[in-house]
Protein backbone atom coordinates (compact mmCIF):
# COMPACT_ATOMS: atom_id res chain seq x y z
CA UNK A 1 -7.40 -50.31 -0.83
CA UNK A 2 -6.39 -47.91 -3.56
CA UNK A 3 -7.48 -48.31 -7.15
CA UNK A 4 -3.88 -49.02 -8.04
CA UNK A 5 -3.62 -51.82 -5.45
CA UNK A 6 -6.95 -53.24 -6.59
CA UNK A 7 -5.84 -53.13 -10.21
CA UNK A 8 -2.55 -54.81 -9.28
CA UNK A 9 -4.41 -57.52 -7.38
CA UNK A 10 -6.78 -58.13 -10.27
CA UNK A 11 -3.82 -58.35 -12.66
CA UNK A 12 -2.09 -60.92 -10.49
CA UNK A 13 -5.29 -62.96 -10.23
CA UNK A 14 -5.74 -62.86 -13.99
CA UNK A 15 -2.12 -63.92 -14.54
CA UNK A 16 -2.53 -66.86 -12.14
CA UNK A 17 -5.77 -67.93 -13.83
CA UNK A 18 -4.21 -67.66 -17.29
CA UNK A 19 -1.14 -69.59 -16.12
CA UNK A 20 -3.32 -72.37 -14.67
CA UNK A 21 -5.42 -72.47 -17.84
CA UNK A 22 -2.30 -72.58 -20.01
CA UNK A 23 -0.86 -75.42 -17.93
CA UNK A 24 -4.14 -77.31 -18.22
CA UNK A 25 -4.17 -76.82 -22.01
CA UNK A 26 -0.56 -78.08 -22.27
CA UNK A 27 -1.43 -81.19 -20.25
CA UNK A 28 -4.42 -81.89 -22.47
CA UNK A 29 -2.33 -81.38 -25.59
CA UNK A 30 0.38 -83.69 -24.24
CA UNK A 31 -2.20 -86.37 -23.61
CA UNK A 32 -3.58 -85.96 -27.08
CA UNK A 33 -0.20 -86.14 -28.85
CA UNK A 34 1.24 -89.08 -26.87
CA UNK A 35 1.56 -91.12 -30.02
CA UNK A 36 4.50 -93.19 -28.80
CA UNK A 37 2.42 -95.10 -26.26
CA UNK A 38 -0.10 -95.86 -28.98
CA UNK A 39 2.47 -97.58 -31.19
CA UNK A 40 2.35 -101.38 -31.52
CA UNK A 41 4.26 -103.11 -28.74
CA UNK A 42 6.62 -104.77 -31.22
CA UNK A 43 7.65 -101.35 -32.57
CA UNK A 44 8.17 -99.92 -29.07
CA UNK A 45 10.39 -102.89 -28.20
CA UNK A 46 12.38 -102.35 -31.41
CA UNK A 47 12.92 -98.69 -30.47
CA UNK A 48 14.06 -99.65 -26.96
CA UNK A 49 16.46 -102.17 -28.50
CA UNK A 50 18.36 -99.25 -30.03
CA UNK A 51 19.07 -97.77 -26.58
CA UNK A 52 21.75 -98.81 -24.10
CA UNK A 53 20.26 -101.44 -21.79
CA UNK A 54 20.45 -99.08 -18.79
CA UNK A 55 18.42 -96.40 -20.62
CA UNK A 56 15.88 -98.94 -21.83
CA UNK A 57 15.46 -100.13 -18.24
CA UNK A 58 14.76 -96.59 -17.01
CA UNK A 59 11.63 -96.35 -19.20
CA UNK A 60 9.74 -98.23 -16.46
CA UNK A 61 9.15 -94.87 -14.75
CA UNK A 62 7.06 -93.57 -17.65
CA UNK A 63 3.88 -95.43 -16.80
CA UNK A 64 2.49 -98.83 -15.76
CA UNK A 65 2.16 -99.76 -19.44
CA UNK A 66 5.91 -99.27 -19.92
CA UNK A 67 7.04 -101.41 -16.99
CA UNK A 68 7.64 -104.54 -19.07
CA UNK A 69 8.37 -103.35 -22.61
CA UNK A 70 12.13 -103.29 -21.97
CA UNK A 71 12.15 -106.94 -20.88
CA UNK A 72 11.33 -108.01 -24.45
CA UNK A 73 14.38 -106.49 -26.16
CA UNK A 74 16.87 -108.85 -27.80
CA UNK A 75 19.61 -106.33 -28.59
CA UNK A 76 21.75 -105.45 -25.58
CA UNK A 77 24.19 -102.56 -25.64
CA UNK A 78 26.16 -102.25 -22.42
CA UNK A 79 28.91 -99.65 -22.06
CA UNK A 80 30.63 -98.69 -18.81
CA UNK A 81 33.54 -96.87 -20.44
CA UNK A 82 32.45 -93.57 -18.89
CA UNK A 83 31.63 -95.17 -15.54
CA UNK A 84 34.95 -97.00 -15.62
CA UNK A 85 36.73 -93.71 -15.11
CA UNK A 86 34.39 -92.68 -12.28
CA UNK A 87 34.22 -93.58 -8.61
CA UNK A 88 34.37 -97.33 -7.94
CA UNK A 89 30.96 -97.27 -6.23
CA UNK A 90 29.40 -96.12 -9.52
CA UNK A 91 31.04 -99.01 -11.35
CA UNK A 92 29.75 -101.49 -8.78
CA UNK A 93 26.22 -100.09 -9.06
CA UNK A 94 26.54 -100.43 -12.84
CA UNK A 95 27.50 -104.10 -12.44
CA UNK A 96 24.70 -104.71 -9.95
CA UNK A 97 22.16 -103.24 -12.36
CA UNK A 98 23.30 -105.55 -15.13
CA UNK A 99 23.24 -108.58 -12.85
CA UNK A 100 19.64 -107.83 -11.96
CA UNK A 101 18.48 -106.85 -15.44
CA UNK A 102 19.71 -109.83 -17.48
CA UNK A 103 17.70 -112.58 -15.71
CA UNK A 104 14.47 -110.61 -16.18
CA UNK A 105 14.75 -110.35 -19.96
CA UNK A 106 12.13 -112.59 -21.55
CA UNK A 107 13.51 -113.24 -25.05
CA UNK A 108 14.63 -116.74 -26.02
CA UNK A 109 17.52 -115.61 -28.23
CA UNK A 110 19.83 -112.59 -28.36
CA UNK A 111 20.27 -110.93 -31.70
CA UNK A 112 23.04 -108.59 -30.55
CA UNK A 113 25.20 -108.19 -27.47
CA UNK A 114 27.64 -105.29 -27.40
CA UNK A 115 29.80 -104.93 -24.31
CA UNK A 116 32.42 -102.27 -23.61
CA UNK A 117 33.95 -102.66 -20.18
CA UNK A 118 36.82 -100.91 -18.41
CA UNK A 119 38.92 -102.96 -15.98
CA UNK A 120 39.97 -100.88 -12.96
CA UNK A 121 42.88 -102.76 -11.41
CA UNK A 122 43.35 -100.30 -8.54
CA UNK A 123 39.93 -101.32 -7.19
CA UNK A 124 41.36 -104.62 -6.02
CA UNK A 125 38.35 -106.37 -7.58
CA UNK A 126 38.49 -109.06 -10.27
CA UNK A 127 35.99 -108.35 -13.01
CA UNK A 128 36.76 -111.60 -14.85
CA UNK A 129 33.89 -113.56 -13.20
CA UNK A 130 31.49 -110.72 -13.98
CA UNK A 131 32.30 -110.74 -17.70
CA UNK A 132 32.28 -114.54 -17.76
CA UNK A 133 28.78 -114.63 -16.30
CA UNK A 134 27.36 -112.15 -18.80
CA UNK A 135 28.98 -113.83 -21.80
CA UNK A 136 27.84 -117.27 -20.67
CA UNK A 137 24.33 -115.87 -20.53
CA UNK A 138 24.60 -114.67 -24.14
CA UNK A 139 25.92 -118.04 -25.32
CA UNK A 140 22.99 -119.82 -23.68
CA UNK A 141 20.69 -117.38 -25.49
CA UNK A 142 22.27 -118.23 -28.86
CA UNK A 143 23.74 -114.77 -29.51
CA UNK A 144 24.21 -113.95 -33.22
CA UNK A 145 26.08 -110.63 -33.16
CA UNK A 146 28.68 -110.26 -30.42
CA UNK A 147 30.98 -107.29 -29.79
CA UNK A 148 33.37 -107.40 -26.85
CA UNK A 149 35.68 -104.46 -26.18
CA UNK A 150 37.70 -104.73 -23.00
CA UNK A 151 39.68 -101.68 -21.93
CA UNK A 152 42.15 -101.30 -19.08
CA UNK A 153 43.13 -98.37 -16.87
CA UNK A 154 46.72 -99.71 -16.87
CA UNK A 155 48.74 -102.15 -18.95
CA UNK A 156 47.15 -105.52 -18.08
CA UNK A 157 50.42 -107.42 -18.60
CA UNK A 158 51.97 -105.49 -15.72
CA UNK A 159 49.34 -106.51 -13.13
CA UNK A 160 47.46 -109.51 -14.43
CA UNK A 161 46.72 -111.38 -17.60
CA UNK A 162 44.33 -109.66 -20.02
CA UNK A 163 40.79 -110.94 -19.98
CA UNK A 164 40.57 -114.45 -21.49
CA UNK A 165 37.63 -115.55 -23.59
CA UNK A 166 35.37 -118.26 -22.25
CA UNK A 167 36.00 -121.62 -23.87
CA UNK A 168 32.29 -122.09 -24.59
CA UNK A 169 32.35 -118.80 -26.44
CA UNK A 170 35.22 -119.93 -28.64
CA UNK A 171 33.11 -122.78 -29.96
CA UNK A 172 29.72 -121.12 -30.27
CA UNK A 173 27.75 -122.25 -33.33
CA UNK A 174 25.21 -119.42 -33.17
CA UNK A 175 27.58 -116.47 -33.67
CA UNK A 176 27.33 -114.90 -37.14
CA UNK A 177 29.18 -111.66 -36.48
CA UNK A 178 32.04 -111.34 -34.03
CA UNK A 179 34.19 -108.42 -32.88
CA UNK A 180 36.82 -108.87 -30.16
CA UNK A 181 39.11 -106.14 -28.85
CA UNK A 182 41.83 -106.26 -26.18
CA UNK A 183 41.18 -109.84 -25.10
CA UNK A 184 43.26 -113.00 -24.77
CA UNK A 185 42.63 -116.48 -26.15
CA UNK A 186 43.90 -119.26 -23.94
CA UNK A 187 46.67 -121.43 -25.33
CA UNK A 188 44.68 -124.66 -25.17
CA UNK A 189 41.48 -123.10 -26.50
CA UNK A 190 40.11 -124.54 -29.76
CA UNK A 191 38.49 -121.98 -32.05
CA UNK A 192 35.44 -123.39 -33.75
CA UNK A 193 33.06 -120.70 -35.00
CA UNK A 194 31.20 -122.78 -37.57
CA UNK A 195 28.57 -120.18 -38.49
CA UNK A 196 30.75 -117.06 -38.53
CA UNK A 197 30.24 -114.66 -41.45
CA UNK A 198 32.03 -111.57 -40.16
CA UNK A 199 35.10 -111.59 -37.91
CA UNK A 200 36.98 -108.58 -36.52
CA UNK A 201 39.90 -109.01 -34.11
CA UNK A 202 41.73 -105.98 -32.73
CA UNK A 203 44.66 -105.80 -30.30
CA UNK A 204 44.21 -109.45 -29.45
CA UNK A 205 46.59 -111.44 -27.28
CA UNK A 206 46.94 -114.79 -29.08
CA UNK A 207 49.40 -117.39 -30.32
CA UNK A 208 50.46 -118.25 -33.84
CA UNK A 209 48.48 -121.50 -33.58
CA UNK A 210 45.28 -119.52 -33.19
CA UNK A 211 46.04 -117.38 -36.20
CA UNK A 212 46.54 -120.50 -38.31
């Protein structure tokens, strides 16, 4: 072996050793500065509450300690607007995730529930029962802040009636803040929001009797 080859081999060995040492130092530093995991559980849960529910759920992959933090959140933000314009299989996976996530949540009351959902009529699937089930869950959990924004890929009056609010939701006594968009209130529905402090209605399908 020539001196040049020997020198080249030594250089490569030194580079590998330095690279391994550098990686080891980075890992040690990362362990030392993992301050998030050392935060109080209540603060971690509050941080997760600021994320969309699907992102909060994904934190279970971080470590064993993080497997259950997300189940304690009481603010649910659920938005499939982007998925609604994707392949139908993605939308169905999105719905399946929500169906499995909600029953696992451990809180007794919901502070906030924000739902944006796109109805895809060309799928041949009725999403009405899906929305009904989620909203009924929030009513049973005494939701205080509710935002419901229904969007449609086509004009809903051309194919089917727009989504109609659940009757139990129209008489919820726990709701303090309410925002409805692109929904319909049934003709025989009685509106009775006794605790409401903030009300926003946009592009609503309703009768003059409801306005009165």
